[in-house]
Amino acid sequence: MNPQRTDSPWLHIPKPNPGARLRLVCFPYAGGSATIYREWPASLSPDIEVVAIQLPGRGNRFMDKPVGVLDAVIEPMLAVLIPYLGDKPFVLFGHSMGAMLAYESAKRLESVFPFPGSLKHLFVSAFRAVQLPRTDQGRYLLSNDELKEELRRLNGTPEALLQNDELMELYLPTIRADMQLCDTYVYAESPPLPCGLTAFGGTADSGIPQDDLQAWETQSGQAFELHMLAGGHFFIHSEAPQLLQLLSDRLDRILHQHTSA
């Protein structure tokens, strides 16, 4: 059962693959769009379809108002994603803010998804374990100039964009809403997810130390892995070949386990 609803603005399918045996659902980092994942299908098994989540206020949804409230993001997104996934197995991946969105989606899917056991794995990247106290709070309340400096510190926004006042005027509302999502996030204690979990971190990402990534282990009821890659917070770009190789290897194992089951 899969109606293949690819017309929704919430879903971006870089390379539609109706015959895929496994779907990889990807969530963007703050300020990012679904295009982060447009090249990923070329590095993964042809048995995998990449489904990138497009949040309001970016990409082809640039005219939609950005949303800074978790439930107002997750609920309408899942209402579209669930029928698209159908009865095929899937995994979730998120980088930075996207890791939190992926985790919260995993929790809710476990309780409402019509095909139990379909979630095979959760991949979280560059985000400290959700049960740990938040260290960044109130960034969405910063002035525009202060917010630009925070973006400069994170080193994920081109300097040319940061110095373009007209473009930043358009970009900052989306960043502000995304930071509100992160900074106001409140973890609700939950049992471990009934799937494996893999965490990725950057060795030069001073804001996300290895111990904070290792703490994700308590959120999985099955196997846990942690991989540290060279690079800072945006190693998803600077170390893309290594990240995609690690991801591909783990996905191939999941495909093999699913075939053997």
Protein backbone atom coordinates (compact mmCIF):
# COMPACT_ATOMS: atom_id res chain seq x y z
CA MET A 1 0.00 0.00 0.00
CA ASN A 2 1.65 3.21 -1.15
CA PRO A 3 -0.18 6.06 -2.88
CA GLN A 4 3.17 7.70 -3.81
CA ARG A 5 2.06 11.22 -2.90
CA THR A 6 5.03 13.20 -4.15
CA ASP A 7 3.03 16.33 -4.91
CA SER A 8 3.11 17.55 -1.29
CA PRO A 9 5.38 20.56 -0.62
CA TRP A 10 6.58 18.75 2.53
CA LEU A 11 8.32 16.01 0.53
CA HIS A 12 11.16 16.39 -1.94
CA ILE A 13 12.20 13.20 -3.75
CA PRO A 14 15.54 13.84 -5.51
CA LYS A 15 15.31 10.59 -7.48
CA PRO A 16 11.87 8.94 -7.32
CA ASN A 17 12.21 5.19 -6.92
CA PRO A 18 8.83 3.43 -6.57
CA GLY A 19 10.55 0.05 -6.49
CA ALA A 20 12.79 0.92 -3.54
CA ARG A 21 12.97 -1.62 -0.73
CA LEU A 22 13.88 0.96 1.91
CA ARG A 23 13.22 4.67 2.30
CA LEU A 24 15.66 7.12 3.89
CA VAL A 25 13.78 10.15 5.26
CA CYS A 26 16.10 13.14 5.78
CA PHE A 27 15.55 16.26 7.89
CA PRO A 28 17.49 19.52 7.30
CA TYR A 29 19.59 21.56 9.70
CA ALA A 30 18.50 25.05 10.79
CA GLY A 31 18.20 27.32 7.78
CA GLY A 32 18.70 24.39 5.40
CA SER A 33 16.37 23.04 2.75
CA ALA A 34 15.65 19.66 1.22
CA THR A 35 18.29 20.30 -1.45
CA ILE A 36 20.96 19.39 1.12
CA TYR A 37 20.21 15.78 0.19
CA ARG A 38 19.76 16.08 -3.58
CA GLU A 39 23.05 14.30 -4.41
CA TRP A 40 22.71 11.51 -1.88
CA PRO A 41 20.93 8.93 -4.08
CA ALA A 42 24.05 8.63 -6.27
CA SER A 43 26.07 7.37 -3.27
CA LEU A 44 23.51 4.90 -1.94
CA SER A 45 22.11 1.55 -3.03
CA PRO A 46 19.54 1.66 -5.86
CA ASP A 47 17.26 -0.18 -3.44
CA ILE A 48 16.99 3.01 -1.35
CA GLU A 49 14.80 6.03 -2.03
CA VAL A 50 15.79 9.34 -0.42
CA VAL A 51 12.85 11.38 0.88
CA ALA A 52 13.92 14.87 1.98
CA ILE A 53 11.65 16.93 4.22
CA GLN A 54 11.04 20.50 3.03
CA LEU A 55 10.11 22.80 5.91
CA PRO A 56 8.16 26.05 5.40
CA GLY A 57 10.09 29.21 4.56
CA ARG A 58 12.78 27.78 2.25
CA GLY A 59 13.31 26.32 -1.21
CA ASN A 60 10.06 25.85 -3.10
CA ARG A 61 8.26 26.82 0.14
CA PHE A 62 9.99 30.18 0.45
CA MET A 63 6.68 32.04 0.50
CA ASP A 64 5.33 29.91 3.37
CA LYS A 65 5.73 31.41 6.82
CA PRO A 66 8.50 29.69 8.83
CA VAL A 67 7.25 27.78 11.87
CA GLY A 68 9.00 27.81 15.25
CA VAL A 69 6.65 25.51 17.21
CA LEU A 70 7.47 21.79 17.22
CA ASP A 71 3.95 20.37 17.03
CA ALA A 72 3.06 22.79 14.23
CA VAL A 73 5.93 21.31 12.21
CA ILE A 74 5.72 17.62 13.10
CA GLU A 75 1.98 17.02 12.89
CA PRO A 76 1.26 18.30 9.35
CA MET A 77 4.51 16.78 8.11
CA LEU A 78 3.65 13.32 9.45
CA ALA A 79 0.14 13.60 8.04
CA VAL A 80 1.76 13.67 4.59
CA LEU A 81 4.71 11.36 5.27
CA ILE A 82 2.78 8.43 6.74
CA PRO A 83 0.63 7.71 3.66
CA TYR A 84 3.66 8.16 1.41
CA LEU A 85 5.73 5.61 3.34
CA GLY A 86 3.03 2.98 3.06
CA ASP A 87 4.04 -0.49 4.21
CA LYS A 88 7.72 -0.33 3.23
CA PRO A 89 10.48 -0.18 5.85
CA PHE A 90 12.17 3.15 6.42
CA VAL A 91 14.93 4.89 8.36
CA LEU A 92 15.28 8.50 9.51
CA PHE A 93 18.29 10.82 9.29
CA GLY A 94 18.70 14.34 10.65
CA HIS A 95 21.60 16.75 10.96
CA SER A 96 21.72 19.28 13.82
CA MET A 97 18.14 20.59 14.23
CA GLY A 98 17.12 17.83 11.84
CA ALA A 99 18.32 15.21 14.33
CA MET A 100 15.85 16.49 16.91
CA LEU A 101 13.06 16.51 14.31
CA ALA A 102 13.98 12.98 13.23
CA TYR A 103 13.94 11.73 16.83
CA GLU A 104 10.58 13.34 17.60
CA SER A 105 9.17 11.95 14.35
CA ALA A 106 10.45 8.49 15.27
CA LYS A 107 8.73 8.64 18.67
CA ARG A 108 5.41 9.65 17.17
CA LEU A 109 5.60 7.24 14.26
CA GLU A 110 6.07 4.36 16.68
CA SER A 111 2.69 5.15 18.24
CA VAL A 112 0.66 6.01 15.12
CA PHE A 113 2.25 4.22 12.15
CA PRO A 114 -0.14 1.58 10.80
CA PHE A 115 2.61 -0.98 10.14
CA PRO A 116 4.49 -1.72 13.41
CA GLY A 117 8.20 -2.37 13.10
CA SER A 118 8.62 -0.44 9.85
CA LEU A 119 11.10 2.02 11.41
CA LYS A 120 14.42 0.20 11.09
CA HIS A 121 16.95 2.79 12.26
CA LEU A 122 17.50 6.36 13.42
CA PHE A 123 20.57 8.34 12.32
CA VAL A 124 21.35 11.51 14.29
CA SER A 125 24.11 13.91 13.35
CA ALA A 126 25.68 16.92 15.10
CA PHE A 127 23.08 17.20 17.87
CA ARG A 128 23.60 16.39 21.53
CA ALA A 129 21.38 13.66 23.01
CA VAL A 130 17.85 14.96 23.49
CA GLN A 131 17.68 14.07 27.19
CA LEU A 132 20.60 16.37 28.05
CA PRO A 133 19.93 19.94 29.20
CA ARG A 134 19.85 22.43 26.34
CA THR A 135 22.91 24.67 26.21
CA ASP A 136 21.66 27.11 23.58
CA GLN A 137 18.60 29.02 24.67
CA GLY A 138 17.14 32.31 23.53
CA ARG A 139 19.12 32.61 20.29
CA TYR A 140 15.89 33.28 18.41
CA LEU A 141 15.48 36.42 20.55
CA LEU A 142 18.80 37.91 19.41
CA SER A 143 18.92 41.08 17.35
CA ASN A 144 19.56 40.66 13.63
CA ASP A 145 23.22 41.65 14.05
CA GLU A 146 23.69 39.24 16.96
CA LEU A 147 22.01 36.47 15.00
CA LYS A 148 24.37 37.08 12.09
CA GLU A 149 27.32 36.73 14.46
CA GLU A 150 25.91 33.44 15.75
CA LEU A 151 25.64 32.17 12.17
CA ARG A 152 29.21 33.29 11.52
CA ARG A 153 30.36 31.37 14.62
CA LEU A 154 28.63 28.20 13.43
CA ASN A 155 30.48 28.54 10.12
CA GLY A 156 27.70 27.16 7.95
CA THR A 157 26.56 30.33 6.18
CA PRO A 158 28.63 31.83 3.34
CA GLU A 159 30.23 35.14 4.29
CA ALA A 160 28.91 36.69 1.08
CA LEU A 161 25.37 35.95 2.26
CA LEU A 162 26.03 37.28 5.76
CA GLN A 163 27.20 40.57 4.26
CA ASN A 164 24.23 40.92 1.90
CA ASP A 165 21.68 42.87 3.93
CA GLU A 166 18.83 42.36 1.44
CA LEU A 167 19.23 38.60 1.30
CA MET A 168 19.71 38.33 5.06
CA GLU A 169 16.47 40.22 5.60
CA LEU A 170 14.75 37.40 3.72
CA TYR A 171 16.78 34.60 5.33
CA LEU A 172 16.76 35.61 9.01
CA PRO A 173 13.05 34.88 9.71
CA THR A 174 13.64 31.25 8.70
CA ILE A 175 16.79 31.00 10.83
CA ARG A 176 14.99 32.61 13.76
CA ALA A 177 12.08 30.15 13.54
CA ASP A 178 14.47 27.20 13.31
CA MET A 179 16.44 28.37 16.32
CA GLN A 180 13.19 28.76 18.21
CA LEU A 181 12.44 25.11 17.41
CA CYS A 182 15.80 24.08 18.86
CA ASP A 183 16.03 26.47 21.80
CA THR A 184 12.51 25.85 23.12
CA TYR A 185 12.65 22.08 22.69
CA VAL A 186 11.64 20.21 25.83
CA TYR A 187 12.42 16.52 26.02
CA ALA A 188 9.62 14.32 27.37
CA GLU A 189 11.04 11.20 28.99
CA SER A 190 10.28 8.21 26.80
CA PRO A 191 11.26 4.55 26.56
CA PRO A 192 14.09 3.69 24.16
CA LEU A 193 13.13 3.43 20.51
CA PRO A 194 12.69 -0.17 19.32
CA CYS A 195 15.28 0.28 16.57
CA GLY A 196 19.02 0.75 16.18
CA LEU A 197 20.56 4.21 16.43
CA THR A 198 23.71 5.65 14.88
CA ALA A 199 25.18 9.02 15.88
CA PHE A 200 27.65 11.09 13.89
CA GLY A 201 29.79 13.94 15.21
CA GLY A 202 32.56 16.25 14.11
CA THR A 203 35.89 16.14 15.95
CA ALA A 204 36.21 19.93 15.59
CA ASP A 205 32.61 20.68 16.59
CA SER A 206 33.29 22.22 20.00
CA GLY A 207 29.59 22.72 20.72
CA ILE A 208 28.76 19.01 20.44
CA PRO A 209 31.38 17.00 22.39
CA GLN A 210 31.71 13.26 21.90
CA ASP A 211 30.24 12.45 25.33
CA ASP A 212 27.04 14.29 24.40
CA LEU A 213 26.75 12.16 21.27
CA GLN A 214 27.53 8.94 23.15
CA ALA A 215 24.57 9.77 25.42
CA TRP A 216 22.24 9.00 22.49
CA GLU A 217 22.84 5.33 23.33
CA THR A 218 20.13 5.43 26.00
CA GLN A 219 17.54 6.32 23.34
CA SER A 220 17.95 3.03 21.49
CA GLY A 221 16.64 -0.35 22.53
CA GLN A 222 18.89 -2.07 20.00
CA ALA A 223 22.40 -1.60 18.59
CA PHE A 224 24.10 1.79 18.95
CA GLU A 225 27.05 3.13 16.97
CA LEU A 226 28.98 6.41 17.20
CA HIS A 227 31.21 7.71 14.42
CA MET A 228 33.36 10.82 14.77
CA LEU A 229 34.37 12.50 11.53
CA ALA A 230 36.93 15.21 10.89
CA GLY A 231 35.43 18.67 10.58
CA GLY A 232 33.27 21.13 12.45
CA HIS A 233 29.52 21.38 12.86
CA PHE A 234 28.87 21.14 9.13
CA PHE A 235 30.90 18.01 8.44
CA ILE A 236 27.79 16.86 6.56
CA HIS A 237 29.28 18.91 3.69
CA SER A 238 33.02 18.99 4.36
CA GLU A 239 33.20 15.24 5.04
CA ALA A 240 30.34 14.14 2.79
CA PRO A 241 32.17 11.21 1.11
CA GLN A 242 33.09 9.60 4.45
CA LEU A 243 29.67 10.26 5.96
CA LEU A 244 27.88 8.78 2.96
CA GLN A 245 30.15 5.72 2.98
CA LEU A 246 29.36 5.06 6.64
CA LEU A 247 25.68 5.64 6.00
CA SER A 248 25.68 3.40 2.93
CA ASP A 249 27.40 0.56 4.81
CA ARG A 250 24.83 0.70 7.62
CA LEU A 251 21.91 0.90 5.19
CA ASP A 252 23.22 -2.10 3.27
CA ARG A 253 23.25 -4.09 6.52
CA ILE A 254 19.67 -3.02 7.20
CA LEU A 255 18.65 -4.10 3.70
CA HIS A 256 20.34 -7.47 4.19
CA GLN A 257 18.66 -8.00 7.57
CA HIS A 258 15.28 -7.09 6.11
CA THR A 259 15.76 -9.52 3.22
CA SER A 260 16.85 -12.32 5.55
CA ALA A 261 14.00 -11.77 8.01
